Amino acid sequence: MGNEQRVVAILGAGGSLGAAVSRQLAGESPAGLVLSDISASSLEATIEGMPDNAVPTETVLADVSDLQQVEAVVTRALEQFGRLDVLVSTGSIRLWRTRCPYGWRYLTCSPLRVASTASGW
């Protein structure tokens, strides 16, 4: 992509790591950010901590253990910015508290599968 600005979606943007990544990327002036988290208050705290020269940013409440909600994040990027170049997954699933049958494979593969399917990769 060269020096072209990228559209970035961050899953788990309300957590410590996700908020730090979001703030760092906002300072690097991407074409757009789509920030998602399961917690509205955590996501709002991330937005409040963004630099003053914040880039166009969309937010989506999403639970990374629900593939349809992850797909909604990708869809928002496509609708608002016309593309999705980078998907950062900092969200986590407490496997012992969910009925996730796929374990760690689910954590790493499902957001990528959703992103690639939704964006036509």
PDB file of N, CA and C in Angstrom:
ATOM      1  N   MET A   1       0.803  -1.186   0.000  1.00  0.00           N
ATOM      2  CA  MET A   1       0.000   0.000   0.000  1.00  0.00           C
ATOM      3  C   MET A   1       0.852   1.258   0.000  1.00  0.00           C
ATOM      4  N   GLY A   2       2.122   1.130   0.172  1.00  0.00           N
ATOM      5  CA  GLY A   2       2.981   2.305   0.152  1.00  0.00           C
ATOM      6  C   GLY A   2       2.665   3.258   1.290  1.00  0.00           C
ATOM      7  N   ASN A   3       2.565   4.539   0.978  1.00  0.00           N
ATOM      8  CA  ASN A   3       2.277   5.545   1.991  1.00  0.00           C
ATOM      9  C   ASN A   3       0.789   5.852   2.129  1.00  0.00           C
ATOM     10  N   GLU A   4      -0.044   5.094   1.457  1.00  0.00           N
ATOM     11  CA  GLU A   4      -1.481   5.315   1.522  1.00  0.00           C
ATOM     12  C   GLU A   4      -1.980   5.133   2.952  1.00  0.00           C
ATOM     13  N   GLN A   5      -2.909   5.985   3.349  1.00  0.00           N
ATOM     14  CA  GLN A   5      -3.493   5.862   4.672  1.00  0.00           C
ATOM     15  C   GLN A   5      -4.406   4.648   4.717  1.00  0.00           C
ATOM     16  N   ARG A   6      -4.370   3.944   5.820  1.00  0.00           N
ATOM     17  CA  ARG A   6      -5.123   2.706   5.953  1.00  0.00           C
ATOM     18  C   ARG A   6      -6.353   2.894   6.842  1.00  0.00           C
ATOM     19  N   VAL A   7      -7.365   2.083   6.588  1.00  0.00           N
ATOM     20  CA  VAL A   7      -8.531   2.005   7.457  1.00  0.00           C
ATOM     21  C   VAL A   7      -8.286   0.839   8.405  1.00  0.00           C
ATOM     22  N   VAL A   8      -8.394   1.114   9.700  1.00  0.00           N
ATOM     23  CA  VAL A   8      -8.053   0.129  10.721  1.00  0.00           C
ATOM     24  C   VAL A   8      -9.254  -0.119  11.629  1.00  0.00           C
ATOM     25  N   ALA A   9      -9.567  -1.386  11.881  1.00  0.00           N
ATOM     26  CA  ALA A   9     -10.581  -1.773  12.865  1.00  0.00           C
ATOM     27  C   ALA A   9      -9.869  -2.438  14.031  1.00  0.00           C
ATOM     28  N   ILE A  10     -10.274  -2.064  15.238  1.00  0.00           N
ATOM     29  CA  ILE A  10      -9.658  -2.625  16.438  1.00  0.00           C
ATOM     30  C   ILE A  10     -10.743  -3.274  17.288  1.00  0.00           C
ATOM     31  N   LEU A  11     -10.642  -4.592  17.446  1.00  0.00           N
ATOM     32  CA  LEU A  11     -11.533  -5.330  18.327  1.00  0.00           C
ATOM     33  C   LEU A  11     -10.958  -5.269  19.732  1.00  0.00           C
ATOM     34  N   GLY A  12     -11.784  -4.981  20.719  1.00  0.00           N
ATOM     35  CA  GLY A  12     -11.300  -4.874  22.092  1.00  0.00           C
ATOM     36  C   GLY A  12     -10.648  -3.544  22.380  1.00  0.00           C
ATOM     37  N   ALA A  13     -11.115  -2.483  21.727  1.00  0.00           N
ATOM     38  CA  ALA A  13     -10.493  -1.162  21.856  1.00  0.00           C
ATOM     39  C   ALA A  13     -10.699  -0.531  23.230  1.00  0.00           C
ATOM     40  N   GLY A  14     -11.573  -1.091  24.046  1.00  0.00           N
ATOM     41  CA  GLY A  14     -11.816  -0.534  25.372  1.00  0.00           C
ATOM     42  C   GLY A  14     -10.891  -1.060  26.450  1.00  0.00           C
ATOM     43  N   GLY A  15     -10.176  -2.142  26.176  1.00  0.00           N
ATOM     44  CA  GLY A  15      -9.239  -2.676  27.157  1.00  0.00           C
ATOM     45  C   GLY A  15      -7.935  -1.900  27.144  1.00  0.00           C
ATOM     46  N   SER A  16      -7.056  -2.216  28.054  1.00  0.00           N
ATOM     47  CA  SER A  16      -5.785  -1.486  28.174  1.00  0.00           C
ATOM     48  C   SER A  16      -4.974  -1.534  26.886  1.00  0.00           C
ATOM     49  N   LEU A  17      -4.757  -2.718  26.350  1.00  0.00           N
ATOM     50  CA  LEU A  17      -3.978  -2.857  25.124  1.00  0.00           C
ATOM     51  C   LEU A  17      -4.704  -2.221  23.941  1.00  0.00           C
ATOM     52  N   GLY A  18      -5.993  -2.495  23.814  1.00  0.00           N
ATOM     53  CA  GLY A  18      -6.772  -1.948  22.710  1.00  0.00           C
ATOM     54  C   GLY A  18      -6.813  -0.429  22.725  1.00  0.00           C
ATOM     55  N   ALA A  19      -6.936   0.165  23.917  1.00  0.00           N
ATOM     56  CA  ALA A  19      -6.956   1.625  24.034  1.00  0.00           C
ATOM     57  C   ALA A  19      -5.601   2.205  23.642  1.00  0.00           C
ATOM     58  N   ALA A  20      -4.535   1.561  24.070  1.00  0.00           N
ATOM     59  CA  ALA A  20      -3.192   2.045  23.724  1.00  0.00           C
ATOM     60  C   ALA A  20      -2.948   1.967  22.219  1.00  0.00           C
ATOM     61  N   VAL A  21      -3.354   0.876  21.608  1.00  0.00           N
ATOM     62  CA  VAL A  21      -3.203   0.726  20.156  1.00  0.00           C
ATOM     63  C   VAL A  21      -4.047   1.767  19.437  1.00  0.00           C
ATOM     64  N   SER A  22      -5.264   1.978  19.896  1.00  0.00           N
ATOM     65  CA  SER A  22      -6.168   2.957  19.273  1.00  0.00           C
ATOM     66  C   SER A  22      -5.570   4.356  19.316  1.00  0.00           C
ATOM     67  N   ARG A  23      -5.066   4.733  20.470  1.00  0.00           N
ATOM     68  CA  ARG A  23      -4.487   6.074  20.623  1.00  0.00           C
ATOM     69  C   ARG A  23      -3.229   6.241  19.779  1.00  0.00           C
ATOM     70  N   GLN A  24      -2.416   5.213  19.732  1.00  0.00           N
ATOM     71  CA  GLN A  24      -1.202   5.270  18.921  1.00  0.00           C
ATOM     72  C   GLN A  24      -1.548   5.426  17.443  1.00  0.00           C
ATOM     73  N   LEU A  25      -2.462   4.604  16.972  1.00  0.00           N
ATOM     74  CA  LEU A  25      -2.841   4.668  15.563  1.00  0.00           C
ATOM     75  C   LEU A  25      -3.521   5.984  15.216  1.00  0.00           C
ATOM     76  N   ALA A  26      -4.323   6.515  16.127  1.00  0.00           N
ATOM     77  CA  ALA A  26      -4.986   7.802  15.870  1.00  0.00           C
ATOM     78  C   ALA A  26      -3.950   8.893  15.657  1.00  0.00           C
ATOM     79  N   GLY A  27      -2.835   8.811  16.362  1.00  0.00           N
ATOM     80  CA  GLY A  27      -1.759   9.784  16.210  1.00  0.00           C
ATOM     81  C   GLY A  27      -0.985   9.632  14.910  1.00  0.00           C
ATOM     82  N   GLU A  28      -1.123   8.482  14.261  1.00  0.00           N
ATOM     83  CA  GLU A  28      -0.429   8.240  13.001  1.00  0.00           C
ATOM     84  C   GLU A  28      -1.285   8.584  11.793  1.00  0.00           C
ATOM     85  N   SER A  29      -2.441   9.167  12.026  1.00  0.00           N
ATOM     86  CA  SER A  29      -3.341   9.656  10.980  1.00  0.00           C
ATOM     87  C   SER A  29      -3.743   8.614   9.934  1.00  0.00           C
ATOM     88  N   PRO A  30      -4.387   7.527  10.365  1.00  0.00           N
ATOM     89  CA  PRO A  30      -4.917   6.608   9.364  1.00  0.00           C
ATOM     90  C   PRO A  30      -6.102   7.255   8.653  1.00  0.00           C
ATOM     91  N   ALA A  31      -6.575   6.649   7.603  1.00  0.00           N
ATOM     92  CA  ALA A  31      -7.731   7.175   6.872  1.00  0.00           C
ATOM     93  C   ALA A  31      -8.989   7.099   7.730  1.00  0.00           C
ATOM     94  N   GLY A  32      -9.054   6.131   8.607  1.00  0.00           N
ATOM     95  CA  GLY A  32     -10.204   5.985   9.483  1.00  0.00           C
ATOM     96  C   GLY A  32     -10.004   4.858  10.470  1.00  0.00           C
ATOM     97  N   LEU A  33     -10.688   4.965  11.604  1.00  0.00           N
ATOM     98  CA  LEU A  33     -10.640   3.937  12.633  1.00  0.00           C
ATOM     99  C   LEU A  33     -12.049   3.450  12.918  1.00  0.00           C
ATOM    100  N   VAL A  34     -12.173   2.159  13.151  1.00  0.00           N
ATOM    101  CA  VAL A  34     -13.407   1.583  13.667  1.00  0.00           C
ATOM    102  C   VAL A  34     -13.020   0.893  14.959  1.00  0.00           C
ATOM    103  N   LEU A  35     -13.511   1.429  16.066  1.00  0.00           N
ATOM    104  CA  LEU A  35     -13.174   0.895  17.382  1.00  0.00           C
ATOM    105  C   LEU A  35     -14.357   0.124  17.933  1.00  0.00           C
ATOM    106  N   SER A  36     -14.084  -1.059  18.473  1.00  0.00           N
ATOM    107  CA  SER A  36     -15.164  -1.857  19.038  1.00  0.00           C
ATOM    108  C   SER A  36     -14.755  -2.441  20.374  1.00  0.00           C
ATOM    109  N   ASP A  37     -15.756  -2.646  21.202  1.00  0.00           N
ATOM    110  CA  ASP A  37     -15.556  -3.289  22.489  1.00  0.00           C
ATOM    111  C   ASP A  37     -16.915  -3.763  22.974  1.00  0.00           C
ATOM    112  N   ILE A  38     -16.920  -4.672  23.919  1.00  0.00           N
ATOM    113  CA  ILE A  38     -18.166  -5.153  24.493  1.00  0.00           C
ATOM    114  C   ILE A  38     -18.730  -4.155  25.503  1.00  0.00           C
ATOM    115  N   SER A  39     -17.868  -3.302  26.047  1.00  0.00           N
ATOM    116  CA  SER A  39     -18.258  -2.350  27.084  1.00  0.00           C
ATOM    117  C   SER A  39     -18.361  -0.930  26.525  1.00  0.00           C
ATOM    118  N   ALA A  40     -19.551  -0.356  26.605  1.00  0.00           N
ATOM    119  CA  ALA A  40     -19.760   1.012  26.120  1.00  0.00           C
ATOM    120  C   ALA A  40     -18.925   2.011  26.917  1.00  0.00           C
ATOM    121  N   SER A  41     -18.838   1.839  28.227  1.00  0.00           N
ATOM    122  CA  SER A  41     -18.087   2.796  29.048  1.00  0.00           C
ATOM    123  C   SER A  41     -16.586   2.714  28.767  1.00  0.00           C
ATOM    124  N   SER A  42     -16.069   1.519  28.548  1.00  0.00           N
ATOM    125  CA  SER A  42     -14.640   1.373  28.221  1.00  0.00           C
ATOM    126  C   SER A  42     -14.334   1.966  26.857  1.00  0.00           C
ATOM    127  N   LEU A  43     -15.234   1.758  25.918  1.00  0.00           N
ATOM    128  CA  LEU A  43     -15.048   2.301  24.581  1.00  0.00           C
ATOM    129  C   LEU A  43     -15.087   3.830  24.611  1.00  0.00           C
ATOM    130  N   GLU A  44     -16.002   4.385  25.401  1.00  0.00           N
ATOM    131  CA  GLU A  44     -16.089   5.838  25.548  1.00  0.00           C
ATOM    132  C   GLU A  44     -14.814   6.406  26.176  1.00  0.00           C
ATOM    133  N   ALA A  45     -14.257   5.700  27.145  1.00  0.00           N
ATOM    134  CA  ALA A  45     -13.003   6.150  27.768  1.00  0.00           C
ATOM    135  C   ALA A  45     -11.870   6.178  26.746  1.00  0.00           C
ATOM    136  N   THR A  46     -11.839   5.202  25.861  1.00  0.00           N
ATOM    137  CA  THR A  46     -10.826   5.185  24.807  1.00  0.00           C
ATOM    138  C   THR A  46     -10.992   6.397  23.890  1.00  0.00           C
ATOM    139  N   ILE A  47     -12.229   6.675  23.494  1.00  0.00           N
ATOM    140  CA  ILE A  47     -12.510   7.817  22.613  1.00  0.00           C
ATOM    141  C   ILE A  47     -12.104   9.125  23.301  1.00  0.00           C
ATOM    142  N   GLU A  48     -12.411   9.256  24.573  1.00  0.00           N
ATOM    143  CA  GLU A  48     -12.070  10.479  25.310  1.00  0.00           C
ATOM    144  C   GLU A  48     -10.561  10.685  25.395  1.00  0.00           C
ATOM    145  N   GLY A  49      -9.801   9.605  25.337  1.00  0.00           N
ATOM    146  CA  GLY A  49      -8.353   9.697  25.420  1.00  0.00           C
ATOM    147  C   GLY A  49      -7.650   9.872  24.083  1.00  0.00           C
ATOM    148  N   MET A  50      -8.419  10.006  23.024  1.00  0.00           N
ATOM    149  CA  MET A  50      -7.834  10.156  21.683  1.00  0.00           C
ATOM    150  C   MET A  50      -7.197  11.541  21.545  1.00  0.00           C
ATOM    151  N   PRO A  51      -6.204  11.658  20.681  1.00  0.00           N
ATOM    152  CA  PRO A  51      -5.567  12.956  20.455  1.00  0.00           C
ATOM    153  C   PRO A  51      -6.571  13.985  19.920  1.00  0.00           C
ATOM    154  N   ASP A  52      -6.246  15.257  20.124  1.00  0.00           N
ATOM    155  CA  ASP A  52      -7.136  16.334  19.672  1.00  0.00           C
ATOM    156  C   ASP A  52      -7.350  16.319  18.166  1.00  0.00           C
ATOM    157  N   ASN A  53      -6.353  15.898  17.439  1.00  0.00           N
ATOM    158  CA  ASN A  53      -6.460  15.860  15.972  1.00  0.00           C
ATOM    159  C   ASN A  53      -6.975  14.502  15.502  1.00  0.00           C
ATOM    160  N   ALA A  54      -7.962  13.997  16.216  1.00  0.00           N
ATOM    161  CA  ALA A  54      -8.463  12.646  15.947  1.00  0.00           C
ATOM    162  C   ALA A  54      -8.946  12.486  14.505  1.00  0.00           C
ATOM    163  N   VAL A  55      -8.688  11.314  13.984  1.00  0.00           N
ATOM    164  CA  VAL A  55      -9.102  10.955  12.624  1.00  0.00           C
ATOM    165  C   VAL A  55     -10.574  10.543  12.653  1.00  0.00           C
ATOM    166  N   PRO A  56     -11.216  10.427  11.491  1.00  0.00           N
ATOM    167  CA  PRO A  56     -12.593   9.937  11.472  1.00  0.00           C
ATOM    168  C   PRO A  56     -12.670   8.581  12.176  1.00  0.00           C
ATOM    169  N   THR A  57     -13.549   8.504  13.177  1.00  0.00           N
ATOM    170  CA  THR A  57     -13.631   7.302  14.001  1.00  0.00           C
ATOM    171  C   THR A  57     -15.073   6.863  14.154  1.00  0.00           C
ATOM    172  N   GLU A  58     -15.301   5.595  13.943  1.00  0.00           N
ATOM    173  CA  GLU A  58     -16.597   4.968  14.160  1.00  0.00           C
ATOM    174  C   GLU A  58     -16.468   4.029  15.352  1.00  0.00           C
ATOM    175  N   THR A  59     -17.554   3.839  16.087  1.00  0.00           N
ATOM    176  CA  THR A  59     -17.546   2.886  17.194  1.00  0.00           C
ATOM    177  C   THR A  59     -18.668   1.877  17.009  1.00  0.00           C
ATOM    178  N   VAL A  60     -18.396   0.659  17.467  1.00  0.00           N
ATOM    179  CA  VAL A  60     -19.373  -0.426  17.386  1.00  0.00           C
ATOM    180  C   VAL A  60     -19.257  -1.238  18.673  1.00  0.00           C
ATOM    181  N   LEU A  61     -20.370  -1.440  19.355  1.00  0.00           N
ATOM    182  CA  LEU A  61     -20.363  -2.368  20.481  1.00  0.00           C
ATOM    183  C   LEU A  61     -20.378  -3.771  19.915  1.00  0.00           C
ATOM    184  N   ALA A  62     -19.398  -4.580  20.306  1.00  0.00           N
ATOM    185  CA  ALA A  62     -19.302  -5.934  19.757  1.00  0.00           C
ATOM    186  C   ALA A  62     -18.622  -6.866  20.750  1.00  0.00           C
ATOM    187  N   ASP A  63     -19.156  -8.057  20.822  1.00  0.00           N
ATOM    188  CA  ASP A  63     -18.605  -9.146  21.624  1.00  0.00           C
ATOM    189  C   ASP A  63     -17.836 -10.050  20.667  1.00  0.00           C
ATOM    190  N   VAL A  64     -16.528 -10.180  20.872  1.00  0.00           N
ATOM    191  CA  VAL A  64     -15.717 -10.966  19.933  1.00  0.00           C
ATOM    192  C   VAL A  64     -16.044 -12.450  19.938  1.00  0.00           C
ATOM    193  N   SER A  65     -16.832 -12.898  20.903  1.00  0.00           N
ATOM    194  CA  SER A  65     -17.237 -14.310  20.899  1.00  0.00           C
ATOM    195  C   SER A  65     -18.443 -14.545  20.003  1.00  0.00           C
ATOM    196  N   ASP A  66     -19.008 -13.477  19.442  1.00  0.00           N
ATOM    197  CA  ASP A  66     -20.169 -13.575  18.564  1.00  0.00           C
ATOM    198  C   ASP A  66     -19.755 -13.164  17.153  1.00  0.00           C
ATOM    199  N   LEU A  67     -19.689 -14.119  16.248  1.00  0.00           N
ATOM    200  CA  LEU A  67     -19.208 -13.856  14.890  1.00  0.00           C
ATOM    201  C   LEU A  67     -20.034 -12.794  14.165  1.00  0.00           C
ATOM    202  N   GLN A  68     -21.334 -12.758  14.405  1.00  0.00           N
ATOM    203  CA  GLN A  68     -22.163 -11.742  13.748  1.00  0.00           C
ATOM    204  C   GLN A  68     -21.796 -10.344  14.218  1.00  0.00           C
ATOM    205  N   GLN A  69     -21.430 -10.207  15.481  1.00  0.00           N
ATOM    206  CA  GLN A  69     -21.038  -8.898  15.990  1.00  0.00           C
ATOM    207  C   GLN A  69     -19.679  -8.480  15.443  1.00  0.00           C
ATOM    208  N   VAL A  70     -18.773  -9.427  15.275  1.00  0.00           N
ATOM    209  CA  VAL A  70     -17.478  -9.119  14.658  1.00  0.00           C
ATOM    210  C   VAL A  70     -17.697  -8.717  13.204  1.00  0.00           C
ATOM    211  N   GLU A  71     -18.586  -9.417  12.532  1.00  0.00           N
ATOM    212  CA  GLU A  71     -18.902  -9.070  11.154  1.00  0.00           C
ATOM    213  C   GLU A  71     -19.481  -7.658  11.065  1.00  0.00           C
ATOM    214  N   ALA A  72     -20.239  -7.229  12.065  1.00  0.00           N
ATOM    215  CA  ALA A  72     -20.808  -5.875  12.080  1.00  0.00           C
ATOM    216  C   ALA A  72     -19.706  -4.815  12.142  1.00  0.00           C
ATOM    217  N   VAL A  73     -18.604  -5.126  12.809  1.00  0.00           N
ATOM    218  CA  VAL A  73     -17.467  -4.200  12.869  1.00  0.00           C
ATOM    219  C   VAL A  73     -16.865  -4.038  11.474  1.00  0.00           C
ATOM    220  N   VAL A  74     -16.661  -5.144  10.800  1.00  0.00           N
ATOM    221  CA  VAL A  74     -16.106  -5.113   9.445  1.00  0.00           C
ATOM    222  C   VAL A  74     -17.063  -4.382   8.508  1.00  0.00           C
ATOM    223  N   THR A  75     -18.328  -4.675   8.631  1.00  0.00           N
ATOM    224  CA  THR A  75     -19.336  -4.027   7.793  1.00  0.00           C
ATOM    225  C   THR A  75     -19.340  -2.518   8.007  1.00  0.00           C
ATOM    226  N   ARG A  76     -19.203  -2.074   9.247  1.00  0.00           N
ATOM    227  CA  ARG A  76     -19.160  -0.629   9.520  1.00  0.00           C
ATOM    228  C   ARG A  76     -17.986   0.016   8.805  1.00  0.00           C
ATOM    229  N   ALA A  77     -16.836  -0.628   8.833  1.00  0.00           N
ATOM    230  CA  ALA A  77     -15.663  -0.086   8.130  1.00  0.00           C
ATOM    231  C   ALA A  77     -15.941   0.025   6.634  1.00  0.00           C
ATOM    232  N   LEU A  78     -16.519  -1.015   6.071  1.00  0.00           N
ATOM    233  CA  LEU A  78     -16.800  -1.018   4.636  1.00  0.00           C
ATOM    234  C   LEU A  78     -17.832   0.045   4.267  1.00  0.00           C
ATOM    235  N   GLU A  79     -18.857   0.212   5.104  1.00  0.00           N
ATOM    236  CA  GLU A  79     -19.892   1.200   4.827  1.00  0.00           C
ATOM    237  C   GLU A  79     -19.386   2.632   4.977  1.00  0.00           C
ATOM    238  N   GLN A  80     -18.593   2.883   6.010  1.00  0.00           N
ATOM    239  CA  GLN A  80     -18.164   4.249   6.299  1.00  0.00           C
ATOM    240  C   GLN A  80     -16.930   4.683   5.522  1.00  0.00           C
ATOM    241  N   PHE A  81     -16.021   3.741   5.257  1.00  0.00           N
ATOM    242  CA  PHE A  81     -14.744   4.103   4.643  1.00  0.00           C
ATOM    243  C   PHE A  81     -14.492   3.420   3.299  1.00  0.00           C
ATOM    244  N   GLY A  82     -15.357   2.499   2.927  1.00  0.00           N
ATOM    245  CA  GLY A  82     -15.225   1.839   1.640  1.00  0.00           C
ATOM    246  C   GLY A  82     -14.254   0.689   1.598  1.00  0.00           C
ATOM    247  N   ARG A  83     -13.574   0.452   2.704  1.00  0.00           N
ATOM    248  CA  ARG A  83     -12.613  -0.653   2.736  1.00  0.00           C
ATOM    249  C   ARG A  83     -12.173  -0.905   4.179  1.00  0.00           C
ATOM    250  N   LEU A  84     -11.476  -2.005   4.386  1.00  0.00           N
ATOM    251  CA  LEU A  84     -10.824  -2.318   5.652  1.00  0.00           C
ATOM    252  C   LEU A  84      -9.458  -2.870   5.300  1.00  0.00           C
ATOM    253  N   ASP A  85      -8.404  -2.195   5.758  1.00  0.00           N
ATOM    254  CA  ASP A  85      -7.044  -2.603   5.428  1.00  0.00           C
ATOM    255  C   ASP A  85      -6.382  -3.415   6.530  1.00  0.00           C
ATOM    256  N   VAL A  86      -6.691  -3.089   7.790  1.00  0.00           N
ATOM    257  CA  VAL A  86      -6.037  -3.747   8.921  1.00  0.00           C
ATOM    258  C   VAL A  86      -7.081  -4.074   9.979  1.00  0.00           C
ATOM    259  N   LEU A  87      -7.035  -5.309  10.486  1.00  0.00           N
ATOM    260  CA  LEU A  87      -7.886  -5.721  11.598  1.00  0.00           C
ATOM    261  C   LEU A  87      -6.981  -6.095  12.761  1.00  0.00           C
ATOM    262  N   VAL A  88      -7.113  -5.370  13.871  1.00  0.00           N
ATOM    263  CA  VAL A  88      -6.330  -5.637  15.071  1.00  0.00           C
ATOM    264  C   VAL A  88      -7.277  -6.258  16.091  1.00  0.00           C
ATOM    265  N   SER A  89      -6.946  -7.443  16.563  1.00  0.00           N
ATOM    266  CA  SER A  89      -7.802  -8.124  17.529  1.00  0.00           C
ATOM    267  C   SER A  89      -7.123  -8.162  18.887  1.00  0.00           C
ATOM    268  N   THR A  90      -7.520  -7.242  19.761  1.00  0.00           N
ATOM    269  CA  THR A  90      -6.996  -7.244  21.129  1.00  0.00           C
ATOM    270  C   THR A  90      -8.058  -7.726  22.102  1.00  0.00           C
ATOM    271  N   GLY A  91      -9.247  -8.019  21.586  1.00  0.00           N
ATOM    272  CA  GLY A  91     -10.328  -8.519  22.433  1.00  0.00           C
ATOM    273  C   GLY A  91     -10.033  -9.937  22.879  1.00  0.00           C
ATOM    274  N   SER A  92     -10.650 -10.330  23.979  1.00  0.00           N
ATOM    275  CA  SER A  92     -10.418 -11.690  24.473  1.00  0.00           C
ATOM    276  C   SER A  92     -11.743 -12.324  24.869  1.00  0.00           C
ATOM    277  N   ILE A  93     -11.707 -13.626  24.952  1.00  0.00           N
ATOM    278  CA  ILE A  93     -12.864 -14.398  25.381  1.00  0.00           C
ATOM    279  C   ILE A  93     -12.442 -15.192  26.598  1.00  0.00           C
ATOM    280  N   ARG A  94     -13.230 -15.118  27.640  1.00  0.00           N
ATOM    281  CA  ARG A  94     -12.954 -15.957  28.807  1.00  0.00           C
ATOM    282  C   ARG A  94     -13.526 -17.339  28.507  1.00  0.00           C
ATOM    283  N   LEU A  95     -12.667 -18.204  28.007  1.00  0.00           N
ATOM    284  CA  LEU A  95     -13.125 -19.499  27.506  1.00  0.00           C
ATOM    285  C   LEU A  95     -13.841 -20.328  28.562  1.00  0.00           C
ATOM    286  N   TRP A  96     -13.469 -20.153  29.812  1.00  0.00           N
ATOM    287  CA  TRP A  96     -14.108 -20.943  30.852  1.00  0.00           C
ATOM    288  C   TRP A  96     -15.498 -20.385  31.190  1.00  0.00           C
ATOM    289  N   ARG A  97     -15.836 -19.200  30.679  1.00  0.00           N
ATOM    290  CA  ARG A  97     -17.142 -18.615  30.940  1.00  0.00           C
ATOM    291  C   ARG A  97     -18.035 -18.597  29.709  1.00  0.00           C
ATOM    292  N   THR A  98     -17.614 -19.205  28.668  1.00  0.00           N
ATOM    293  CA  THR A  98     -18.404 -19.196  27.447  1.00  0.00           C
ATOM    294  C   THR A  98     -18.545 -20.607  26.927  1.00  0.00           C
ATOM    295  N   ARG A  99     -19.450 -20.789  26.025  1.00  0.00           N
ATOM    296  CA  ARG A  99     -19.651 -22.101  25.417  1.00  0.00           C
ATOM    297  C   ARG A  99     -18.908 -22.194  24.093  1.00  0.00           C
ATOM    298  N   CYS A 100     -17.818 -21.504  23.994  1.00  0.00           N
ATOM    299  CA  CYS A 100     -17.039 -21.493  22.763  1.00  0.00           C
ATOM    300  C   CYS A 100     -16.422 -22.880  22.544  1.00  0.00           C
ATOM    301  N   PRO A 101     -16.872 -23.614  21.529  1.00  0.00           N
ATOM    302  CA  PRO A 101     -16.403 -24.984  21.342  1.00  0.00           C
ATOM    303  C   PRO A 101     -15.032 -25.087  20.675  1.00  0.00           C
ATOM    304  N   TYR A 102     -14.485 -23.976  20.189  1.00  0.00           N
ATOM    305  CA  TYR A 102     -13.272 -24.052  19.389  1.00  0.00           C
ATOM    306  C   TYR A 102     -12.001 -23.644  20.111  1.00  0.00           C
ATOM    307  N   GLY A 103     -12.106 -23.135  21.326  1.00  0.00           N
ATOM    308  CA  GLY A 103     -10.931 -22.772  22.087  1.00  0.00           C
ATOM    309  C   GLY A 103     -10.108 -21.667  21.451  1.00  0.00           C
ATOM    310  N   TRP A 104      -8.785 -21.746  21.590  1.00  0.00           N
ATOM    311  CA  TRP A 104      -7.884 -20.690  21.112  1.00  0.00           C
ATOM    312  C   TRP A 104      -7.935 -20.516  19.603  1.00  0.00           C
ATOM    313  N   ARG A 105      -8.203 -21.600  18.881  1.00  0.00           N
ATOM    314  CA  ARG A 105      -8.314 -21.491  17.432  1.00  0.00           C
ATOM    315  C   ARG A 105      -9.415 -20.490  17.072  1.00  0.00           C
ATOM    316  N   TYR A 106     -10.483 -20.484  17.832  1.00  0.00           N
ATOM    317  CA  TYR A 106     -11.589 -19.564  17.609  1.00  0.00           C
ATOM    318  C   TYR A 106     -11.129 -18.106  17.763  1.00  0.00           C
ATOM    319  N   LEU A 107     -10.321 -17.856  18.779  1.00  0.00           N
ATOM    320  CA  LEU A 107      -9.849 -16.492  19.035  1.00  0.00           C
ATOM    321  C   LEU A 107      -9.049 -15.928  17.881  1.00  0.00           C
ATOM    322  N   THR A 108      -8.199 -16.732  17.290  1.00  0.00           N
ATOM    323  CA  THR A 108      -7.317 -16.214  16.252  1.00  0.00           C
ATOM    324  C   THR A 108      -7.900 -16.316  14.859  1.00  0.00           C
ATOM    325  N   CYS A 109      -8.707 -17.310  14.615  1.00  0.00           N
ATOM    326  CA  CYS A 109      -9.189 -17.529  13.253  1.00  0.00           C
ATOM    327  C   CYS A 109     -10.503 -16.836  12.938  1.00  0.00           C
ATOM    328  N   SER A 110     -11.443 -16.779  13.899  1.00  0.00           N
ATOM    329  CA  SER A 110     -12.743 -16.261  13.533  1.00  0.00           C
ATOM    330  C   SER A 110     -12.770 -14.809  13.113  1.00  0.00           C
ATOM    331  N   PRO A 111     -12.082 -13.870  13.795  1.00  0.00           N
ATOM    332  CA  PRO A 111     -12.104 -12.498  13.286  1.00  0.00           C
ATOM    333  C   PRO A 111     -11.517 -12.403  11.879  1.00  0.00           C
ATOM    334  N   LEU A 112     -10.487 -13.180  11.612  1.00  0.00           N
ATOM    335  CA  LEU A 112      -9.888 -13.153  10.279  1.00  0.00           C
ATOM    336  C   LEU A 112     -10.829 -13.734   9.237  1.00  0.00           C
ATOM    337  N   ARG A 113     -11.504 -14.808   9.595  1.00  0.00           N
ATOM    338  CA  ARG A 113     -12.453 -15.414   8.666  1.00  0.00           C
ATOM    339  C   ARG A 113     -13.599 -14.452   8.372  1.00  0.00           C
ATOM    340  N   VAL A 114     -14.121 -13.806   9.410  1.00  0.00           N
ATOM    341  CA  VAL A 114     -15.206 -12.838   9.222  1.00  0.00           C
ATOM    342  C   VAL A 114     -14.732 -11.679   8.355  1.00  0.00           C
ATOM    343  N   ALA A 115     -13.558 -11.140   8.664  1.00  0.00           N
ATOM    344  CA  ALA A 115     -13.042  -9.995   7.899  1.00  0.00           C
ATOM    345  C   ALA A 115     -12.818 -10.361   6.445  1.00  0.00           C
ATOM    346  N   SER A 116     -12.249 -11.521   6.216  1.00  0.00           N
ATOM    347  CA  SER A 116     -11.966 -11.895   4.830  1.00  0.00           C
ATOM    348  C   SER A 116     -13.243 -12.175   4.057  1.00  0.00           C
ATOM    349  N   THR A 117     -14.219 -12.757   4.698  1.00  0.00           N
ATOM    350  CA  THR A 117     -15.488 -13.044   4.032  1.00  0.00           C
ATOM    351  C   THR A 117     -16.253 -11.748   3.759  1.00  0.00           C
ATOM    352  N   ALA A 118     -16.355 -10.877   4.767  1.00  0.00           N
ATOM    353  CA  ALA A 118     -17.141  -9.647   4.637  1.00  0.00           C
ATOM    354  C   ALA A 118     -16.526  -8.675   3.644  1.00  0.00           C
ATOM    355  N   SER A 119     -15.208  -8.655   3.551  1.00  0.00           N
ATOM    356  CA  SER A 119     -14.572  -7.681   2.674  1.00  0.00           C
ATOM    357  C   SER A 119     -14.217  -8.256   1.306  1.00  0.00           C
ATOM    358  N   GLY A 120     -14.459  -9.545   1.112  1.00  0.00           N
ATOM    359  CA  GLY A 120     -14.200 -10.161  -0.181  1.00  0.00           C
ATOM    360  C   GLY A 120     -12.746 -10.515  -0.413  1.00  0.00           C
ATOM    361  N   TRP A 121     -11.949 -10.662   0.650  1.00  0.00           N
ATOM    362  CA  TRP A 121     -10.542 -11.026   0.495  1.00  0.00           C
ATOM    363  C   TRP A 121     -10.427 -12.425  -0.049  1.00  0.00           C
TER     364      TRP A 121
END
